[in-house]
C-alpha atoms as a PDB file:
ATOM      1  CA  MET A   1       0.000   0.000   0.000  1.00  0.00           C
ATOM      2  CA  SER A   2       2.982   2.240   0.500  1.00  0.00           C
ATOM      3  CA  SER A   3       4.418   4.079  -2.459  1.00  0.00           C
ATOM      4  CA  SER A   4       6.811   6.849  -3.215  1.00  0.00           C
ATOM      5  CA  VAL A   5       6.364   9.864  -5.452  1.00  0.00           C
ATOM      6  CA  LYS A   6       9.816   9.162  -6.877  1.00  0.00           C
ATOM      7  CA  ASP A   7       8.630   5.976  -8.616  1.00  0.00           C
ATOM      8  CA  GLY A   8       6.292   7.981 -10.872  1.00  0.00           C
ATOM      9  CA  ARG A   9       3.056   6.599  -9.430  1.00  0.00           C
ATOM     10  CA  ASP A  10       0.153   8.949  -8.903  1.00  0.00           C
ATOM     11  CA  GLU A  11      -1.746   6.947  -6.302  1.00  0.00           C
ATOM     12  CA  GLY A  12      -1.047   5.144  -3.058  1.00  0.00           C
ATOM     13  CA  VAL A  13       0.162   6.238   0.344  1.00  0.00           C
ATOM     14  CA  GLU A  14       3.547   7.674   1.232  1.00  0.00           C
ATOM     15  CA  PHE A  15       4.874   7.442   4.802  1.00  0.00           C
ATOM     16  CA  ILE A  16       7.117  10.114   6.258  1.00  0.00           C
ATOM     17  CA  TYR A  17       8.912   9.488   9.546  1.00  0.00           C
ATOM     18  CA  GLU A  18       9.887  12.430  11.755  1.00  0.00           C
ATOM     19  CA  ASP A  19      10.991  11.992  15.361  1.00  0.00           C
ATOM     20  CA  ASN A  20       8.101  10.137  17.080  1.00  0.00           C
ATOM     21  CA  LEU A  21       5.570  10.933  14.358  1.00  0.00           C
ATOM     22  CA  VAL A  22       4.476   9.021  11.275  1.00  0.00           C
ATOM     23  CA  THR A  23       2.720  10.966   8.517  1.00  0.00           C
ATOM     24  CA  ALA A  24       0.628   9.127   5.936  1.00  0.00           C
ATOM     25  CA  ARG A  25       0.064  11.145   2.747  1.00  0.00           C
ATOM     26  CA  ASP A  26      -2.349  10.188  -0.008  1.00  0.00           C
ATOM     27  CA  ILE A  27      -0.330  10.751  -3.178  1.00  0.00           C
ATOM     28  CA  GLU A  28      -3.322  11.399  -5.436  1.00  0.00           C
ATOM     29  CA  THR A  29      -4.957  14.131  -3.319  1.00  0.00           C
ATOM     30  CA  GLY A  30      -2.050  15.352  -1.205  1.00  0.00           C
ATOM     31  CA  VAL A  31      -4.173  14.928   1.942  1.00  0.00           C
ATOM     32  CA  ALA A  32      -2.011  13.958   4.909  1.00  0.00           C
ATOM     33  CA  SER A  33      -2.505  12.996   8.519  1.00  0.00           C
ATOM     34  CA  SER A  34      -0.181  11.975  11.337  1.00  0.00           C
ATOM     35  CA  GLY A  35      -0.061   9.584  14.250  1.00  0.00           C
ATOM     36  CA  ARG A  36       2.345   7.832  16.592  1.00  0.00           C
ATOM     37  CA  SER A  37       2.323   4.686  14.423  1.00  0.00           C
ATOM     38  CA  LYS A  38       1.604   3.690  10.819  1.00  0.00           C
ATOM     39  CA  SER A  39      -1.772   2.254  11.783  1.00  0.00           C
ATOM     40  CA  GLU A  40      -2.770   5.404  13.678  1.00  0.00           C
ATOM     41  CA  ALA A  41      -1.607   7.624  10.799  1.00  0.00           C
ATOM     42  CA  LEU A  42      -3.596   5.510   8.308  1.00  0.00           C
ATOM     43  CA  ALA A  43      -6.732   5.653  10.475  1.00  0.00           C
ATOM     44  CA  MET A  44      -6.425   9.428  10.733  1.00  0.00           C
ATOM     45  CA  LEU A  45      -5.789   9.639   6.961  1.00  0.00           C
ATOM     46  CA  ALA A  46      -8.950   7.616   6.269  1.00  0.00           C
ATOM     47  CA  ASP A  47     -10.970  10.142   8.314  1.00  0.00           C
ATOM     48  CA  ALA A  48      -9.281  13.089   6.596  1.00  0.00           C
ATOM     49  CA  LEU A  49      -9.948  11.627   3.134  1.00  0.00           C
ATOM     50  CA  ALA A  50     -13.624  11.060   3.984  1.00  0.00           C
ATOM     51  CA  LEU A  51     -13.938  14.713   4.971  1.00  0.00           C
ATOM     52  CA  HIS A  52     -11.948  15.829   1.924  1.00  0.00           C
ATOM     53  CA  GLU A  53     -14.397  13.948  -0.302  1.00  0.00           C
ATOM     54  CA  GLY A  54     -17.425  15.670   1.214  1.00  0.00           C
ATOM     55  CA  GLY A  55     -18.165  13.454   4.197  1.00  0.00           C
ATOM     56  CA  GLY A  56     -19.131  14.838   7.563  1.00  0.00           C
ATOM     57  CA  GLU A  57     -21.982  17.014   8.683  1.00  0.00           C
ATOM     58  CA  ALA A  58     -22.662  20.576   7.597  1.00  0.00           C
ATOM     59  CA  ILE A  59     -22.305  23.253  10.281  1.00  0.00           C
ATOM     60  CA  GLU A  60     -25.579  25.152  10.384  1.00  0.00           C
ATOM     61  CA  ASP A  61     -24.738  27.705  13.095  1.00  0.00           C
ATOM     62  CA  GLU A  62     -21.037  28.598  12.999  1.00  0.00           C
ATOM     63  CA  ASP A  63     -21.138  30.742  16.142  1.00  0.00           C
ATOM     64  CA  ALA A  64     -22.764  27.943  18.160  1.00  0.00           C
ATOM     65  CA  PHE A  65     -20.190  25.479  16.839  1.00  0.00           C
ATOM     66  CA  PHE A  66     -17.271  27.710  17.831  1.00  0.00           C
ATOM     67  CA  GLU A  67     -18.736  28.228  21.305  1.00  0.00           C
ATOM     68  CA  GLU A  68     -19.221  24.452  21.652  1.00  0.00           C
ATOM     69  CA  ILE A  69     -15.504  23.858  21.029  1.00  0.00           C
ATOM     70  CA  GLY A  70     -14.433  26.705  23.317  1.00  0.00           C
ATOM     71  CA  ILE A  71     -13.696  29.469  20.800  1.00  0.00           C
ATOM     72  CA  ASP A  72     -15.148  32.946  21.163  1.00  0.00           C
ATOM     73  CA  PRO A  73     -16.787  33.678  17.766  1.00  0.00           C
ATOM     74  CA  ASP A  74     -16.018  37.398  18.175  1.00  0.00           C
ATOM     75  CA  SER A  75     -12.285  36.628  18.290  1.00  0.00           C
ATOM     76  CA  ILE A  76     -12.271  35.142  14.786  1.00  0.00           C
ATOM     77  CA  ASP A  77     -10.886  37.289  11.989  1.00  0.00           C
ATOM     78  CA  GLU A  78     -13.466  37.610   9.201  1.00  0.00           C
ATOM     79  CA  ASP A  79     -10.810  38.287   6.546  1.00  0.00           C
ATOM     80  CA  SER A  80     -11.341  35.655   3.843  1.00  0.00           C
ATOM     81  CA  SER A  81      -8.143  36.366   1.920  1.00  0.00           C
ATOM     82  CA  PRO A  82      -5.511  33.602   1.965  1.00  0.00           C
ATOM     83  CA  PRO A  83      -2.769  33.855   4.563  1.00  0.00           C
ATOM     84  CA  ALA A  84       0.407  35.660   3.491  1.00  0.00           C
ATOM     85  CA  TRP A  85       2.408  32.426   3.366  1.00  0.00           C
ATOM     86  CA  LEU A  86       0.102  31.122   0.590  1.00  0.00           C
ATOM     87  CA  GLU A  87       0.567  34.143  -1.639  1.00  0.00           C
END
């Protein structure tokens, strides 16, 4: 299941090892997720890919959602332009 971008393939999963962290990256989409082991990284990647492909539930009331996870909605910057590091 593991692959490397260097072999010219455009699908599969690439594993990157850094310190005590394993990152699993889907080569086709570029979506990546990390964990303390390959199995944990793959499980997290599966969740991330499901969300990337439109899975999950829509958030109907953003302010209520932010309050539920402990973020003050008034503290969020409404600027929709991309961050400077993406420009």
